[in-house]
C-alpha atoms as a PDB file:
ATOM      1  CA  UNK A   1       7.330 -20.994   2.094  1.00  0.00           C
ATOM      2  CA  UNK A   2      10.657 -19.357   2.843  1.00  0.00           C
ATOM      3  CA  UNK A   3       9.654 -16.215   0.948  1.00  0.00           C
ATOM      4  CA  UNK A   4       6.597 -15.889   3.145  1.00  0.00           C
ATOM      5  CA  UNK A   5       8.739 -16.052   6.284  1.00  0.00           C
ATOM      6  CA  UNK A   6      11.141 -13.393   5.061  1.00  0.00           C
ATOM      7  CA  UNK A   7       8.342 -11.103   3.893  1.00  0.00           C
ATOM      8  CA  UNK A   8       6.513 -11.510   7.189  1.00  0.00           C
ATOM      9  CA  UNK A   9       9.539 -10.860   9.373  1.00  0.00           C
ATOM     10  CA  UNK A  10      10.742  -7.845   7.404  1.00  0.00           C
ATOM     11  CA  UNK A  11       7.265  -6.536   6.745  1.00  0.00           C
ATOM     12  CA  UNK A  12       6.294  -6.450  10.406  1.00  0.00           C
ATOM     13  CA  UNK A  13       9.443  -4.561  11.404  1.00  0.00           C
ATOM     14  CA  UNK A  14       9.040  -2.036   8.602  1.00  0.00           C
ATOM     15  CA  UNK A  15       5.330  -1.696   9.396  1.00  0.00           C
ATOM     16  CA  UNK A  16       6.085  -1.144  13.092  1.00  0.00           C
ATOM     17  CA  UNK A  17       8.651   1.547  12.373  1.00  0.00           C
ATOM     18  CA  UNK A  18       6.848   3.395   9.604  1.00  0.00           C
ATOM     19  CA  UNK A  19       3.158   3.004  10.398  1.00  0.00           C
ATOM     20  CA  UNK A  20       2.732   2.028  14.048  1.00  0.00           C
ATOM     21  CA  UNK A  21       5.047   4.848  15.129  1.00  0.00           C
ATOM     22  CA  UNK A  22       4.536   7.289  12.269  1.00  0.00           C
ATOM     23  CA  UNK A  23       0.751   7.376  12.037  1.00  0.00           C
ATOM     24  CA  UNK A  24       0.040   8.212  15.711  1.00  0.00           C
ATOM     25  CA  UNK A  25       2.747  10.877  15.621  1.00  0.00           C
ATOM     26  CA  UNK A  26       1.183  12.305  12.463  1.00  0.00           C
ATOM     27  CA  UNK A  27      -2.268  12.418  14.065  1.00  0.00           C
ATOM     28  CA  UNK A  28      -0.922  14.027  17.233  1.00  0.00           C
ATOM     29  CA  UNK A  29       1.003  16.553  15.150  1.00  0.00           C
ATOM     30  CA  UNK A  30      -2.109  17.482  13.187  1.00  0.00           C
ATOM     31  CA  UNK A  31      -4.360  17.707  16.247  1.00  0.00           C
ATOM     32  CA  UNK A  32      -2.090  19.051  18.986  1.00  0.00           C
ATOM     33  CA  UNK A  33       1.087  20.276  17.351  1.00  0.00           C
ATOM     34  CA  UNK A  34       4.638  18.943  17.452  1.00  0.00           C
ATOM     35  CA  UNK A  35       5.421  15.716  19.256  1.00  0.00           C
ATOM     36  CA  UNK A  36       8.079  15.762  21.953  1.00  0.00           C
ATOM     37  CA  UNK A  37       9.883  12.424  21.837  1.00  0.00           C
ATOM     38  CA  UNK A  38      11.794  10.748  24.597  1.00  0.00           C
ATOM     39  CA  UNK A  39      15.289   9.567  23.807  1.00  0.00           C
ATOM     40  CA  UNK A  40      14.313   5.948  24.595  1.00  0.00           C
ATOM     41  CA  UNK A  41      11.917   5.766  21.656  1.00  0.00           C
ATOM     42  CA  UNK A  42      14.471   7.147  19.239  1.00  0.00           C
ATOM     43  CA  UNK A  43      17.036   4.632  20.476  1.00  0.00           C
ATOM     44  CA  UNK A  44      14.577   1.734  20.005  1.00  0.00           C
ATOM     45  CA  UNK A  45      13.712   2.859  16.476  1.00  0.00           C
ATOM     46  CA  UNK A  46      17.390   2.983  15.539  1.00  0.00           C
ATOM     47  CA  UNK A  47      17.941  -0.474  17.043  1.00  0.00           C
ATOM     48  CA  UNK A  48      15.016  -1.910  15.061  1.00  0.00           C
ATOM     49  CA  UNK A  49      16.267  -0.221  11.900  1.00  0.00           C
ATOM     50  CA  UNK A  50      19.718  -1.693  12.533  1.00  0.00           C
ATOM     51  CA  UNK A  51      18.170  -5.142  12.913  1.00  0.00           C
ATOM     52  CA  UNK A  52      16.439  -4.766   9.531  1.00  0.00           C
ATOM     53  CA  UNK A  53      19.691  -3.725   7.861  1.00  0.00           C
ATOM     54  CA  UNK A  54      21.566  -6.577   9.579  1.00  0.00           C
ATOM     55  CA  UNK A  55      18.912  -9.087   8.524  1.00  0.00           C
ATOM     56  CA  UNK A  56      19.082  -7.932   4.912  1.00  0.00           C
ATOM     57  CA  UNK A  57      22.855  -8.253   4.994  1.00  0.00           C
ATOM     58  CA  UNK A  58      22.595 -11.715   6.535  1.00  0.00           C
ATOM     59  CA  UNK A  59      20.129 -12.846   3.880  1.00  0.00           C
ATOM     60  CA  UNK A  60      22.267 -11.442   1.074  1.00  0.00           C
ATOM     61  CA  UNK A  61      25.319 -13.188   2.554  1.00  0.00           C
ATOM     62  CA  UNK A  62      23.459 -16.497   2.727  1.00  0.00           C
ATOM     63  CA  UNK A  63      22.232 -16.103  -0.869  1.00  0.00           C
ATOM     64  CA  UNK A  64      18.635 -15.607   0.339  1.00  0.00           C
ATOM     65  CA  UNK A  65      18.458 -19.055   1.902  1.00  0.00           C
ATOM     66  CA  UNK A  66      17.010 -19.646   5.332  1.00  0.00           C
ATOM     67  CA  UNK A  67      18.670 -22.265   7.481  1.00  0.00           C
ATOM     68  CA  UNK A  68      19.108 -23.082  11.160  1.00  0.00           C
ATOM     69  CA  UNK A  69      21.935 -20.589  11.581  1.00  0.00           C
ATOM     70  CA  UNK A  70      19.800 -17.676  10.421  1.00  0.00           C
ATOM     71  CA  UNK A  71      16.984 -18.891  12.660  1.00  0.00           C
ATOM     72  CA  UNK A  72      19.333 -18.952  15.642  1.00  0.00           C
ATOM     73  CA  UNK A  73      20.708 -15.500  14.790  1.00  0.00           C
ATOM     74  CA  UNK A  74      17.208 -14.016  14.448  1.00  0.00           C
ATOM     75  CA  UNK A  75      16.090 -15.641  17.696  1.00  0.00           C
ATOM     76  CA  UNK A  76      19.213 -14.384  19.426  1.00  0.00           C
ATOM     77  CA  UNK A  77      18.652 -10.863  18.121  1.00  0.00           C
ATOM     78  CA  UNK A  78      15.079 -10.912  19.373  1.00  0.00           C
ATOM     79  CA  UNK A  79      16.053 -12.188  22.816  1.00  0.00           C
ATOM     80  CA  UNK A  80      18.901  -9.669  23.013  1.00  0.00           C
ATOM     81  CA  UNK A  81      16.572  -6.807  22.117  1.00  0.00           C
ATOM     82  CA  UNK A  82      13.991  -7.903  24.686  1.00  0.00           C
ATOM     83  CA  UNK A  83      16.681  -8.293  27.366  1.00  0.00           C
ATOM     84  CA  UNK A  84      18.008  -4.831  26.518  1.00  0.00           C
ATOM     85  CA  UNK A  85      14.558  -3.268  26.856  1.00  0.00           C
ATOM     86  CA  UNK A  86      13.862  -5.023  30.165  1.00  0.00           C
ATOM     87  CA  UNK A  87      17.245  -4.091  31.645  1.00  0.00           C
ATOM     88  CA  UNK A  88      16.904  -0.518  30.391  1.00  0.00           C
ATOM     89  CA  UNK A  89      13.458  -0.173  31.961  1.00  0.00           C
ATOM     90  CA  UNK A  90      14.678  -1.604  35.281  1.00  0.00           C
ATOM     91  CA  UNK A  91      17.605   0.833  35.332  1.00  0.00           C
ATOM     92  CA  UNK A  92      15.309   3.732  34.385  1.00  0.00           C
ATOM     93  CA  UNK A  93      12.807   2.813  37.113  1.00  0.00           C
ATOM     94  CA  UNK A  94      15.481   2.719  39.827  1.00  0.00           C
ATOM     95  CA  UNK A  95      17.050   6.029  38.786  1.00  0.00           C
END
């Protein structure tokens, strides 16, 4: 069951970065020309990519075993990312 959890968590992040962002940009590029990106999106993509790299490193360090510590770290990363997005949007809205 642990393999399913790891595949699901990594697969959804990779899918989000490569397909959910890439495919609409590809369609827009084909139909309307180049896509002008905002810096926020690029920053979020790099953060998500960093989380994937960090998670791989964490799993390699733990010898590919899932335990409570990894669960807490992953939950903390998720909550930190969500807090960052919310705070960033509040700051952007007030500026």
